[in-house]
Amino acid sequence: MFKIKKIMALVLLVTMIFTLSACGGKKVEKETATTTNSHEGIKVGITFMTTDNPFFKAMENSVKKEVEDNLNGTLLVSNGQHDAAKQLADVEDMIVQGIELLLLNPVDYEASESIVAAAKEVGIPVVCVDGDSIGDRDIFIASNNYKAGVINAEYVNERLNGKGKVVVINGNPVSAVRNRYNGFMETIKKYPDIEVVAEQNGDGTKAKSMEVMENILQAHPQIDAVFAINDPSALGVVAAAQSAGRADEFFVMGVDGAPNAVEVIANNETGMGMAATAAQEPAKIGKLGIEYGLMLLDGKEVPDELPVPVKLITHENAADFSW
């Protein structure tokens, strides 16, 4: 009997030791998981096609807040200056400096494939923001740019009662511009009495759009509306119309919801000149870029694309809108 009790006591002791060890193992495992999921002090790179557009500046400020203020991390910012080769060199430099996450707003949809490849080769997740890229990027977060084109075309139809002459000021071949253009053109074709009489590339800048619009004005005595691919382009069109003394002949629409454009729209009581913009939320896109980037670093699944809604801003609601 004594021998059996001794054996049972030994078994109980071994069981207690095993249980305590197992509990200790779970505790260590939990602490390790917590440490792994902490992104305090992270280093993030973000590269824009340009930083001259207030839309991208608003996005940059949002990302900076998320990285530097909320995560006590470091943000490296690159201005691609509409130069794909420069953007690639900038990202390669960021990789050397040890970034752990890349937010990419590509200069060119196809040329940016090399940027994606460079980051992915060293295990850096790539989040495309506002503009997409071919290649193995992880997620594309952007305004619903196709919808931005659609609501502008519908606004044209409503204002012109289904009949008139329209000019399109296009931009560089990035996905955001292409989607806006397609949304507008595919929708405007539904209204057979609305004719697109001219189309030029304004490079997405006020200066270039003003220049090309000056030429269009000389060639076309009648213009009822102008769809510009972004707000800087739209403001360039307005400047050209004012210079030619034709500012009261047609209305102009853009895409972005930039503060200076919204201010013009809010103060425009005539309905001509800068009359509308399909507004985006750049700060929200930037914030989502970081949130989903951290999810990727944690090994979580994310959607291939994440569209962010847009809304039409006119004189009636411009005073209530801001980024």
C-alpha atoms as a PDB file:
ATOM      1  CA  MET A   1       0.000   0.000   0.000  1.00  0.00           C
ATOM      2  CA  PHE A   2       2.825   2.376   0.930  1.00  0.00           C
ATOM      3  CA  LYS A   3       4.495   1.642  -2.403  1.00  0.00           C
ATOM      4  CA  ILE A   4       1.304   2.475  -4.352  1.00  0.00           C
ATOM      5  CA  LYS A   5       0.855   5.757  -2.437  1.00  0.00           C
ATOM      6  CA  LYS A   6       4.482   6.664  -3.171  1.00  0.00           C
ATOM      7  CA  ILE A   7       3.991   6.014  -6.872  1.00  0.00           C
ATOM      8  CA  MET A   8       0.774   8.083  -6.938  1.00  0.00           C
ATOM      9  CA  ALA A   9       2.536  10.955  -5.190  1.00  0.00           C
ATOM     10  CA  LEU A  10       5.329  10.826  -7.745  1.00  0.00           C
ATOM     11  CA  VAL A  11       2.818  10.877 -10.635  1.00  0.00           C
ATOM     12  CA  LEU A  12       1.047  13.861  -9.072  1.00  0.00           C
ATOM     13  CA  LEU A  13       4.342  15.737  -8.684  1.00  0.00           C
ATOM     14  CA  VAL A  14       5.296  15.112 -12.314  1.00  0.00           C
ATOM     15  CA  THR A  15       1.830  16.226 -13.452  1.00  0.00           C
ATOM     16  CA  MET A  16       2.137  19.487 -11.470  1.00  0.00           C
ATOM     17  CA  ILE A  17       5.570  20.190 -12.924  1.00  0.00           C
ATOM     18  CA  PHE A  18       4.294  19.554 -16.456  1.00  0.00           C
ATOM     19  CA  THR A  19       1.258  21.786 -15.896  1.00  0.00           C
ATOM     20  CA  LEU A  20       3.360  24.642 -14.523  1.00  0.00           C
ATOM     21  CA  SER A  21       5.778  24.316 -17.429  1.00  0.00           C
ATOM     22  CA  ALA A  22       2.920  24.367 -19.917  1.00  0.00           C
ATOM     23  CA  CYS A  23       1.454  27.486 -18.315  1.00  0.00           C
ATOM     24  CA  GLY A  24       4.847  29.113 -18.378  1.00  0.00           C
ATOM     25  CA  GLY A  25       5.176  28.250 -22.082  1.00  0.00           C
ATOM     26  CA  LYS A  26       1.849  29.877 -22.922  1.00  0.00           C
ATOM     27  CA  LYS A  27       2.856  33.012 -21.057  1.00  0.00           C
ATOM     28  CA  VAL A  28       6.113  33.341 -22.967  1.00  0.00           C
ATOM     29  CA  GLU A  29       4.318  32.630 -26.236  1.00  0.00           C
ATOM     30  CA  LYS A  30       1.788  35.361 -25.462  1.00  0.00           C
ATOM     31  CA  GLU A  31       4.509  37.878 -24.619  1.00  0.00           C
ATOM     32  CA  THR A  32       6.337  37.026 -27.848  1.00  0.00           C
ATOM     33  CA  ALA A  33       3.161  37.519 -29.890  1.00  0.00           C
ATOM     34  CA  THR A  34       2.586  40.903 -28.256  1.00  0.00           C
ATOM     35  CA  THR A  35       6.127  41.990 -29.048  1.00  0.00           C
ATOM     36  CA  THR A  36       5.824  40.780 -32.643  1.00  0.00           C
ATOM     37  CA  ASN A  37       2.582  42.705 -33.185  1.00  0.00           C
ATOM     38  CA  SER A  38       3.986  45.959 -31.819  1.00  0.00           C
ATOM     39  CA  HIS A  39       4.990  48.451 -34.523  1.00  0.00           C
ATOM     40  CA  GLU A  40       6.363  51.089 -32.201  1.00  0.00           C
ATOM     41  CA  GLY A  41       9.253  52.881 -33.896  1.00  0.00           C
ATOM     42  CA  ILE A  42       8.415  51.587 -37.384  1.00  0.00           C
ATOM     43  CA  LYS A  43      10.111  53.135 -40.415  1.00  0.00           C
ATOM     44  CA  VAL A  44       7.758  53.775 -43.348  1.00  0.00           C
ATOM     45  CA  GLY A  45       8.414  55.123 -46.838  1.00  0.00           C
ATOM     46  CA  ILE A  46       5.869  56.936 -48.978  1.00  0.00           C
ATOM     47  CA  THR A  47       6.531  58.087 -52.524  1.00  0.00           C
ATOM     48  CA  PHE A  48       4.246  60.379 -54.509  1.00  0.00           C
ATOM     49  CA  MET A  49       4.098  61.109 -58.229  1.00  0.00           C
ATOM     50  CA  THR A  50       4.345  64.737 -57.057  1.00  0.00           C
ATOM     51  CA  THR A  51       4.049  66.629 -53.800  1.00  0.00           C
ATOM     52  CA  ASP A  52       2.973  69.854 -55.501  1.00  0.00           C
ATOM     53  CA  ASN A  53      -0.703  68.843 -55.450  1.00  0.00           C
ATOM     54  CA  PRO A  54      -2.505  69.747 -52.166  1.00  0.00           C
ATOM     55  CA  PHE A  55      -4.298  66.399 -52.386  1.00  0.00           C
ATOM     56  CA  PHE A  56      -1.027  64.556 -51.846  1.00  0.00           C
ATOM     57  CA  LYS A  57       0.066  66.999 -49.152  1.00  0.00           C
ATOM     58  CA  ALA A  58      -3.120  66.201 -47.203  1.00  0.00           C
ATOM     59  CA  MET A  59      -2.393  62.481 -47.582  1.00  0.00           C
ATOM     60  CA  GLU A  60       1.205  62.959 -46.487  1.00  0.00           C
ATOM     61  CA  ASN A  61       0.116  64.844 -43.356  1.00  0.00           C
ATOM     62  CA  SER A  62      -2.309  62.040 -42.465  1.00  0.00           C
ATOM     63  CA  VAL A  63       0.353  59.343 -42.903  1.00  0.00           C
ATOM     64  CA  LYS A  64       2.835  61.401 -40.905  1.00  0.00           C
ATOM     65  CA  LYS A  65       0.373  61.620 -38.026  1.00  0.00           C
ATOM     66  CA  GLU A  66      -0.210  57.864 -38.058  1.00  0.00           C
ATOM     67  CA  VAL A  67       3.489  56.958 -38.215  1.00  0.00           C
ATOM     68  CA  GLU A  68       5.220  59.643 -36.161  1.00  0.00           C
ATOM     69  CA  ASP A  69       2.559  60.640 -33.644  1.00  0.00           C
ATOM     70  CA  ASN A  70       0.733  57.344 -33.092  1.00  0.00           C
ATOM     71  CA  LEU A  71       3.595  54.877 -33.595  1.00  0.00           C
ATOM     72  CA  ASN A  72       6.603  57.019 -32.644  1.00  0.00           C
ATOM     73  CA  GLY A  73       8.078  55.950 -35.965  1.00  0.00           C
ATOM     74  CA  THR A  74       9.928  57.537 -38.875  1.00  0.00           C
ATOM     75  CA  LEU A  75       8.411  58.572 -42.213  1.00  0.00           C
ATOM     76  CA  LEU A  76      10.547  58.958 -45.332  1.00  0.00           C
ATOM     77  CA  VAL A  77       8.861  60.995 -48.097  1.00  0.00           C
ATOM     78  CA  SER A  78       9.743  61.063 -51.795  1.00  0.00           C
ATOM     79  CA  ASN A  79       8.592  63.458 -54.520  1.00  0.00           C
ATOM     80  CA  GLY A  80       8.700  61.516 -57.793  1.00  0.00           C
ATOM     81  CA  GLN A  81       8.356  64.747 -59.800  1.00  0.00           C
ATOM     82  CA  HIS A  82       6.470  62.817 -62.507  1.00  0.00           C
ATOM     83  CA  ASP A  83       9.702  60.933 -63.253  1.00  0.00           C
ATOM     84  CA  ALA A  84       9.472  57.126 -63.003  1.00  0.00           C
ATOM     85  CA  ALA A  85      13.256  56.679 -62.937  1.00  0.00           C
ATOM     86  CA  LYS A  86      13.632  59.163 -60.082  1.00  0.00           C
ATOM     87  CA  GLN A  87      10.841  57.471 -58.147  1.00  0.00           C
ATOM     88  CA  LEU A  88      12.554  54.089 -58.465  1.00  0.00           C
ATOM     89  CA  ALA A  89      15.881  55.568 -57.287  1.00  0.00           C
ATOM     90  CA  ASP A  90      14.122  57.217 -54.328  1.00  0.00           C
ATOM     91  CA  VAL A  91      12.533  53.930 -53.260  1.00  0.00           C
ATOM     92  CA  GLU A  92      15.816  52.046 -53.612  1.00  0.00           C
ATOM     93  CA  ASP A  93      17.353  54.610 -51.269  1.00  0.00           C
ATOM     94  CA  MET A  94      14.494  54.135 -48.804  1.00  0.00           C
ATOM     95  CA  ILE A  95      15.084  50.386 -48.861  1.00  0.00           C
ATOM     96  CA  VAL A  96      18.757  50.950 -48.031  1.00  0.00           C
ATOM     97  CA  GLN A  97      17.633  53.138 -45.107  1.00  0.00           C
ATOM     98  CA  GLY A  98      15.607  50.241 -43.738  1.00  0.00           C
ATOM     99  CA  ILE A  99      11.943  50.966 -44.373  1.00  0.00           C
ATOM    100  CA  GLU A 100       9.577  48.198 -43.257  1.00  0.00           C
ATOM    101  CA  LEU A 101       6.522  49.318 -45.250  1.00  0.00           C
ATOM    102  CA  LEU A 102       6.118  51.159 -48.558  1.00  0.00           C
ATOM    103  CA  LEU A 103       3.182  53.325 -49.589  1.00  0.00           C
ATOM    104  CA  LEU A 104       3.372  53.842 -53.344  1.00  0.00           C
ATOM    105  CA  ASN A 105       1.632  56.502 -55.405  1.00  0.00           C
ATOM    106  CA  PRO A 106       3.180  55.651 -58.770  1.00  0.00           C
ATOM    107  CA  VAL A 107       4.237  58.078 -61.475  1.00  0.00           C
ATOM    108  CA  ASP A 108       3.377  55.468 -64.094  1.00  0.00           C
ATOM    109  CA  TYR A 109       1.175  52.371 -63.823  1.00  0.00           C
ATOM    110  CA  GLU A 110       3.488  50.090 -65.821  1.00  0.00           C
ATOM    111  CA  ALA A 111       6.903  51.588 -65.055  1.00  0.00           C
ATOM    112  CA  SER A 112       6.231  51.252 -61.319  1.00  0.00           C
ATOM    113  CA  GLU A 113       6.405  47.459 -61.581  1.00  0.00           C
ATOM    114  CA  SER A 114      10.156  47.700 -60.942  1.00  0.00           C
ATOM    115  CA  ILE A 115       9.487  49.634 -57.727  1.00  0.00           C
ATOM    116  CA  VAL A 116       7.103  46.967 -56.477  1.00  0.00           C
ATOM    117  CA  ALA A 117       9.610  44.242 -57.376  1.00  0.00           C
ATOM    118  CA  ALA A 118      12.457  46.004 -55.555  1.00  0.00           C
ATOM    119  CA  ALA A 119      10.435  46.260 -52.340  1.00  0.00           C
ATOM    120  CA  LYS A 120       8.961  42.771 -52.476  1.00  0.00           C
ATOM    121  CA  GLU A 121      12.371  41.223 -53.145  1.00  0.00           C
ATOM    122  CA  VAL A 122      13.432  42.209 -49.629  1.00  0.00           C
ATOM    123  CA  GLY A 123      10.085  41.375 -48.023  1.00  0.00           C
ATOM    124  CA  ILE A 124       8.622  44.888 -47.773  1.00  0.00           C
ATOM    125  CA  PRO A 125       4.811  45.072 -48.165  1.00  0.00           C
ATOM    126  CA  VAL A 126       3.624  47.507 -50.848  1.00  0.00           C
ATOM    127  CA  VAL A 127       0.403  49.486 -50.441  1.00  0.00           C
ATOM    128  CA  CYS A 128      -0.579  51.448 -53.542  1.00  0.00           C
ATOM    129  CA  VAL A 129      -2.435  54.663 -52.679  1.00  0.00           C
ATOM    130  CA  ASP A 130      -4.526  56.694 -55.137  1.00  0.00           C
ATOM    131  CA  GLY A 131      -2.711  55.134 -58.106  1.00  0.00           C
ATOM    132  CA  ASP A 132      -2.299  51.441 -58.867  1.00  0.00           C
ATOM    133  CA  SER A 133       0.681  49.517 -60.227  1.00  0.00           C
ATOM    134  CA  ILE A 134       1.176  46.292 -62.095  1.00  0.00           C
ATOM    135  CA  GLY A 135       3.264  43.719 -60.308  1.00  0.00           C
ATOM    136  CA  ASP A 136       2.882  41.963 -56.975  1.00  0.00           C
ATOM    137  CA  ARG A 137       1.680  44.887 -54.865  1.00  0.00           C
ATOM    138  CA  ASP A 138      -0.346  43.845 -51.819  1.00  0.00           C
ATOM    139  CA  ILE A 139      -3.350  46.192 -51.851  1.00  0.00           C
ATOM    140  CA  PHE A 140      -4.634  49.198 -53.794  1.00  0.00           C
ATOM    141  CA  ILE A 141      -6.444  51.881 -51.755  1.00  0.00           C
ATOM    142  CA  ALA A 142      -7.976  54.760 -53.671  1.00  0.00           C
ATOM    143  CA  SER A 143     -11.006  56.906 -54.215  1.00  0.00           C
ATOM    144  CA  ASN A 144     -13.601  55.380 -56.475  1.00  0.00           C
ATOM    145  CA  ASN A 145     -12.120  57.275 -59.405  1.00  0.00           C
ATOM    146  CA  TYR A 146     -14.396  55.690 -61.965  1.00  0.00           C
ATOM    147  CA  LYS A 147     -17.362  56.978 -59.967  1.00  0.00           C
ATOM    148  CA  ALA A 148     -15.750  60.437 -59.902  1.00  0.00           C
ATOM    149  CA  GLY A 149     -15.902  60.478 -63.686  1.00  0.00           C
ATOM    150  CA  VAL A 150     -19.451  59.173 -63.690  1.00  0.00           C
ATOM    151  CA  ILE A 151     -20.876  61.827 -61.354  1.00  0.00           C
ATOM    152  CA  ASN A 152     -19.168  64.590 -63.336  1.00  0.00           C
ATOM    153  CA  ALA A 153     -20.717  63.295 -66.567  1.00  0.00           C
ATOM    154  CA  GLU A 154     -24.131  63.089 -64.942  1.00  0.00           C
ATOM    155  CA  TYR A 155     -23.695  66.661 -63.696  1.00  0.00           C
ATOM    156  CA  VAL A 156     -22.914  67.776 -67.263  1.00  0.00           C
ATOM    157  CA  ASN A 157     -26.040  66.098 -68.580  1.00  0.00           C
ATOM    158  CA  GLU A 158     -28.173  67.665 -65.883  1.00  0.00           C
ATOM    159  CA  ARG A 159     -26.772  71.170 -66.393  1.00  0.00           C
ATOM    160  CA  LEU A 160     -26.974  71.013 -70.204  1.00  0.00           C
ATOM    161  CA  ASN A 161     -30.331  69.240 -70.346  1.00  0.00           C
ATOM    162  CA  GLY A 162     -28.780  66.523 -72.468  1.00  0.00           C
ATOM    163  CA  LYS A 163     -27.351  68.724 -75.225  1.00  0.00           C
ATOM    164  CA  GLY A 164     -24.073  70.644 -75.636  1.00  0.00           C
ATOM    165  CA  LYS A 165     -20.374  70.721 -76.470  1.00  0.00           C
ATOM    166  CA  VAL A 166     -17.831  69.471 -73.961  1.00  0.00           C
ATOM    167  CA  VAL A 167     -14.035  69.631 -73.641  1.00  0.00           C
ATOM    168  CA  VAL A 168     -11.972  67.072 -71.710  1.00  0.00           C
ATOM    169  CA  ILE A 169      -8.620  67.958 -70.130  1.00  0.00           C
ATOM    170  CA  ASN A 170      -6.947  64.600 -69.545  1.00  0.00           C
ATOM    171  CA  GLY A 171      -3.805  63.783 -67.542  1.00  0.00           C
ATOM    172  CA  ASN A 172      -0.866  61.425 -67.232  1.00  0.00           C
ATOM    173  CA  PRO A 173      -1.468  57.654 -67.670  1.00  0.00           C
ATOM    174  CA  VAL A 174      -1.829  56.621 -64.041  1.00  0.00           C
ATOM    175  CA  SER A 175      -4.690  54.401 -62.919  1.00  0.00           C
ATOM    176  CA  ALA A 176      -6.562  57.156 -61.051  1.00  0.00           C
ATOM    177  CA  VAL A 177      -6.619  59.402 -64.119  1.00  0.00           C
ATOM    178  CA  ARG A 178      -7.487  56.546 -66.451  1.00  0.00           C
ATOM    179  CA  ASN A 179     -10.411  55.480 -64.270  1.00  0.00           C
ATOM    180  CA  ARG A 180     -11.780  59.021 -64.011  1.00  0.00           C
ATOM    181  CA  TYR A 181     -11.506  59.442 -67.750  1.00  0.00           C
ATOM    182  CA  ASN A 182     -13.208  56.117 -68.455  1.00  0.00           C
ATOM    183  CA  GLY A 183     -15.990  56.851 -65.992  1.00  0.00           C
ATOM    184  CA  PHE A 184     -16.667  60.195 -67.634  1.00  0.00           C
ATOM    185  CA  MET A 185     -16.386  59.086 -71.264  1.00  0.00           C
ATOM    186  CA  GLU A 186     -18.409  55.899 -70.873  1.00  0.00           C
ATOM    187  CA  THR A 187     -21.181  57.799 -69.105  1.00  0.00           C
ATOM    188  CA  ILE A 188     -21.264  60.812 -71.407  1.00  0.00           C
ATOM    189  CA  LYS A 189     -21.750  58.463 -74.376  1.00  0.00           C
ATOM    190  CA  LYS A 190     -25.162  57.632 -72.960  1.00  0.00           C
ATOM    191  CA  TYR A 191     -26.261  61.140 -73.947  1.00  0.00           C
ATOM    192  CA  PRO A 192     -25.995  61.258 -77.771  1.00  0.00           C
ATOM    193  CA  ASP A 193     -26.617  65.018 -78.031  1.00  0.00           C
ATOM    194  CA  ILE A 194     -23.640  65.861 -75.824  1.00  0.00           C
ATOM    195  CA  GLU A 195     -20.524  66.050 -77.995  1.00  0.00           C
ATOM    196  CA  VAL A 196     -16.905  65.930 -76.827  1.00  0.00           C
ATOM    197  CA  VAL A 197     -15.364  68.457 -79.232  1.00  0.00           C
ATOM    198  CA  ALA A 198     -11.776  68.483 -77.924  1.00  0.00           C
ATOM    199  CA  GLU A 199      -9.461  66.519 -75.650  1.00  0.00           C
ATOM    200  CA  GLN A 200      -5.954  67.482 -74.521  1.00  0.00           C
ATOM    201  CA  ASN A 201      -3.464  66.330 -71.878  1.00  0.00           C
ATOM    202  CA  GLY A 202      -2.872  68.990 -69.242  1.00  0.00           C
ATOM    203  CA  ASP A 203      -0.334  66.863 -67.308  1.00  0.00           C
ATOM    204  CA  GLY A 204      -2.455  67.296 -64.181  1.00  0.00           C
ATOM    205  CA  THR A 205      -0.996  70.776 -63.578  1.00  0.00           C
ATOM    206  CA  LYS A 206      -2.542  74.232 -63.594  1.00  0.00           C
ATOM    207  CA  ALA A 207       0.114  75.732 -65.860  1.00  0.00           C
ATOM    208  CA  LYS A 208      -0.020  73.063 -68.563  1.00  0.00           C
ATOM    209  CA  SER A 209      -3.824  72.863 -68.487  1.00  0.00           C
ATOM    210  CA  MET A 210      -4.046  76.630 -68.883  1.00  0.00           C
ATOM    211  CA  GLU A 211      -1.729  76.406 -71.892  1.00  0.00           C
ATOM    212  CA  VAL A 212      -3.661  73.652 -73.686  1.00  0.00           C
ATOM    213  CA  MET A 213      -7.006  75.301 -72.888  1.00  0.00           C
ATOM    214  CA  GLU A 214      -5.830  78.551 -74.482  1.00  0.00           C
ATOM    215  CA  ASN A 215      -5.303  76.634 -77.737  1.00  0.00           C
ATOM    216  CA  ILE A 216      -8.679  74.909 -77.456  1.00  0.00           C
ATOM    217  CA  LEU A 217     -10.437  78.234 -76.928  1.00  0.00           C
ATOM    218  CA  GLN A 218      -8.955  79.555 -80.165  1.00  0.00           C
ATOM    219  CA  ALA A 219     -10.196  76.540 -82.105  1.00  0.00           C
ATOM    220  CA  HIS A 220     -13.690  76.258 -80.619  1.00  0.00           C
ATOM    221  CA  PRO A 221     -16.041  79.245 -80.496  1.00  0.00           C
ATOM    222  CA  GLN A 222     -18.688  77.262 -78.612  1.00  0.00           C
ATOM    223  CA  ILE A 223     -17.921  75.343 -75.414  1.00  0.00           C
ATOM    224  CA  ASP A 224     -20.589  74.553 -72.851  1.00  0.00           C
ATOM    225  CA  ALA A 225     -18.652  72.553 -70.257  1.00  0.00           C
ATOM    226  CA  VAL A 226     -15.138  71.338 -69.443  1.00  0.00           C
ATOM    227  CA  PHE A 227     -14.255  68.192 -67.510  1.00  0.00           C
ATOM    228  CA  ALA A 228     -10.740  68.382 -66.065  1.00  0.00           C
ATOM    229  CA  ILE A 229      -9.042  65.338 -64.628  1.00  0.00           C
ATOM    230  CA  ASN A 230      -8.173  67.075 -61.330  1.00  0.00           C
ATOM    231  CA  ASP A 231      -8.666  70.397 -59.556  1.00  0.00           C
ATOM    232  CA  PRO A 232      -5.322  72.009 -60.545  1.00  0.00           C
ATOM    233  CA  SER A 233      -6.219  71.299 -64.190  1.00  0.00           C
ATOM    234  CA  ALA A 234      -9.700  72.731 -63.681  1.00  0.00           C
ATOM    235  CA  LEU A 235      -8.283  75.916 -62.163  1.00  0.00           C
ATOM    236  CA  GLY A 236      -5.899  76.181 -65.124  1.00  0.00           C
ATOM    237  CA  VAL A 237      -8.906  75.983 -67.475  1.00  0.00           C
ATOM    238  CA  VAL A 238     -10.648  78.739 -65.512  1.00  0.00           C
ATOM    239  CA  ALA A 239      -7.541  80.919 -65.714  1.00  0.00           C
ATOM    240  CA  ALA A 240      -7.384  80.440 -69.500  1.00  0.00           C
ATOM    241  CA  ALA A 241     -11.084  81.313 -69.847  1.00  0.00           C
ATOM    242  CA  GLN A 242     -10.645  84.446 -67.771  1.00  0.00           C
ATOM    243  CA  SER A 243      -7.621  85.500 -69.812  1.00  0.00           C
ATOM    244  CA  ALA A 244      -9.594  85.036 -73.040  1.00  0.00           C
ATOM    245  CA  GLY A 245     -12.626  86.900 -71.709  1.00  0.00           C
ATOM    246  CA  ARG A 246     -14.795  83.773 -71.945  1.00  0.00           C
ATOM    247  CA  ALA A 247     -15.213  82.859 -68.272  1.00  0.00           C
ATOM    248  CA  ASP A 248     -18.982  83.323 -68.411  1.00  0.00           C
ATOM    249  CA  GLU A 249     -19.499  81.009 -71.405  1.00  0.00           C
ATOM    250  CA  PHE A 250     -19.066  77.551 -69.810  1.00  0.00           C
ATOM    251  CA  PHE A 251     -18.739  75.736 -66.506  1.00  0.00           C
ATOM    252  CA  VAL A 252     -15.751  73.673 -65.359  1.00  0.00           C
ATOM    253  CA  MET A 253     -15.532  70.522 -63.232  1.00  0.00           C
ATOM    254  CA  GLY A 254     -12.581  68.867 -61.558  1.00  0.00           C
ATOM    255  CA  VAL A 255     -11.749  65.968 -59.265  1.00  0.00           C
ATOM    256  CA  ASP A 256     -10.161  66.165 -55.787  1.00  0.00           C
ATOM    257  CA  GLY A 257     -12.040  68.574 -53.532  1.00  0.00           C
ATOM    258  CA  ALA A 258      -8.880  70.620 -52.998  1.00  0.00           C
ATOM    259  CA  PRO A 259      -9.383  73.509 -50.527  1.00  0.00           C
ATOM    260  CA  ASN A 260      -8.568  76.232 -53.064  1.00  0.00           C
ATOM    261  CA  ALA A 261     -10.947  74.733 -55.628  1.00  0.00           C
ATOM    262  CA  VAL A 262     -13.737  74.266 -53.083  1.00  0.00           C
ATOM    263  CA  GLU A 263     -13.309  77.880 -51.987  1.00  0.00           C
ATOM    264  CA  VAL A 264     -13.721  79.058 -55.586  1.00  0.00           C
ATOM    265  CA  ILE A 265     -16.829  76.892 -55.984  1.00  0.00           C
ATOM    266  CA  ALA A 266     -18.293  78.168 -52.705  1.00  0.00           C
ATOM    267  CA  ASN A 267     -17.873  81.792 -53.828  1.00  0.00           C
ATOM    268  CA  ASN A 268     -19.132  81.143 -57.366  1.00  0.00           C
ATOM    269  CA  GLU A 269     -22.738  82.258 -57.577  1.00  0.00           C
ATOM    270  CA  THR A 270     -22.924  82.485 -61.376  1.00  0.00           C
ATOM    271  CA  GLY A 271     -22.708  78.745 -62.049  1.00  0.00           C
ATOM    272  CA  MET A 272     -20.056  79.349 -64.698  1.00  0.00           C
ATOM    273  CA  GLY A 273     -16.294  78.984 -64.267  1.00  0.00           C
ATOM    274  CA  MET A 274     -15.292  76.481 -61.572  1.00  0.00           C
ATOM    275  CA  ALA A 275     -18.662  74.956 -60.693  1.00  0.00           C
ATOM    276  CA  ALA A 276     -18.079  71.434 -59.332  1.00  0.00           C
ATOM    277  CA  THR A 277     -15.569  68.840 -58.207  1.00  0.00           C
ATOM    278  CA  ALA A 278     -15.797  65.157 -57.350  1.00  0.00           C
ATOM    279  CA  ALA A 279     -14.296  65.293 -53.886  1.00  0.00           C
ATOM    280  CA  GLN A 280     -11.969  62.669 -52.466  1.00  0.00           C
ATOM    281  CA  GLU A 281     -10.723  62.043 -48.925  1.00  0.00           C
ATOM    282  CA  PRO A 282      -6.913  61.973 -49.114  1.00  0.00           C
ATOM    283  CA  ALA A 283      -6.457  61.944 -45.339  1.00  0.00           C
ATOM    284  CA  LYS A 284      -8.656  58.863 -45.065  1.00  0.00           C
ATOM    285  CA  ILE A 285      -6.735  57.115 -47.865  1.00  0.00           C
ATOM    286  CA  GLY A 286      -3.454  57.801 -46.065  1.00  0.00           C
ATOM    287  CA  LYS A 287      -4.797  56.549 -42.739  1.00  0.00           C
ATOM    288  CA  LEU A 288      -6.145  53.381 -44.344  1.00  0.00           C
ATOM    289  CA  GLY A 289      -2.797  52.888 -46.086  1.00  0.00           C
ATOM    290  CA  ILE A 290      -1.034  52.635 -42.738  1.00  0.00           C
ATOM    291  CA  GLU A 291      -3.759  50.546 -41.113  1.00  0.00           C
ATOM    292  CA  TYR A 292      -3.756  47.927 -43.851  1.00  0.00           C
ATOM    293  CA  GLY A 293       0.025  48.065 -44.138  1.00  0.00           C
ATOM    294  CA  LEU A 294       0.326  47.103 -40.471  1.00  0.00           C
ATOM    295  CA  MET A 295      -2.132  44.275 -41.054  1.00  0.00           C
ATOM    296  CA  LEU A 296       0.140  42.989 -43.818  1.00  0.00           C
ATOM    297  CA  LEU A 297       3.127  43.141 -41.480  1.00  0.00           C
ATOM    298  CA  ASP A 298       1.112  41.069 -39.002  1.00  0.00           C
ATOM    299  CA  GLY A 299       0.486  38.439 -41.664  1.00  0.00           C
ATOM    300  CA  LYS A 300      -3.228  39.176 -41.943  1.00  0.00           C
ATOM    301  CA  GLU A 301      -5.252  38.893 -45.136  1.00  0.00           C
ATOM    302  CA  VAL A 302      -6.330  42.101 -46.850  1.00  0.00           C
ATOM    303  CA  PRO A 303      -8.526  42.767 -49.913  1.00  0.00           C
ATOM    304  CA  ASP A 304      -6.887  43.275 -53.288  1.00  0.00           C
ATOM    305  CA  GLU A 305      -8.553  46.681 -53.643  1.00  0.00           C
ATOM    306  CA  LEU A 306     -10.260  49.065 -51.225  1.00  0.00           C
ATOM    307  CA  PRO A 307     -12.379  51.805 -52.858  1.00  0.00           C
ATOM    308  CA  VAL A 308     -13.073  55.006 -50.906  1.00  0.00           C
ATOM    309  CA  PRO A 309     -16.325  56.853 -51.798  1.00  0.00           C
ATOM    310  CA  VAL A 310     -16.406  60.245 -53.562  1.00  0.00           C
ATOM    311  CA  LYS A 311     -19.078  62.973 -53.540  1.00  0.00           C
ATOM    312  CA  LEU A 312     -19.982  65.823 -55.859  1.00  0.00           C
ATOM    313  CA  ILE A 313     -19.272  69.288 -54.466  1.00  0.00           C
ATOM    314  CA  THR A 314     -21.145  72.244 -55.958  1.00  0.00           C
ATOM    315  CA  HIS A 315     -21.953  75.778 -54.827  1.00  0.00           C
ATOM    316  CA  GLU A 316     -24.822  74.395 -52.753  1.00  0.00           C
ATOM    317  CA  ASN A 317     -22.707  72.211 -50.444  1.00  0.00           C
ATOM    318  CA  ALA A 318     -19.145  73.558 -50.830  1.00  0.00           C
ATOM    319  CA  ALA A 319     -19.231  75.584 -47.607  1.00  0.00           C
ATOM    320  CA  ASP A 320     -19.790  72.403 -45.583  1.00  0.00           C
ATOM    321  CA  PHE A 321     -16.950  70.378 -47.121  1.00  0.00           C
ATOM    322  CA  SER A 322     -13.300  70.165 -46.093  1.00  0.00           C
ATOM    323  CA  TRP A 323     -10.470  67.652 -46.126  1.00  0.00           C
END
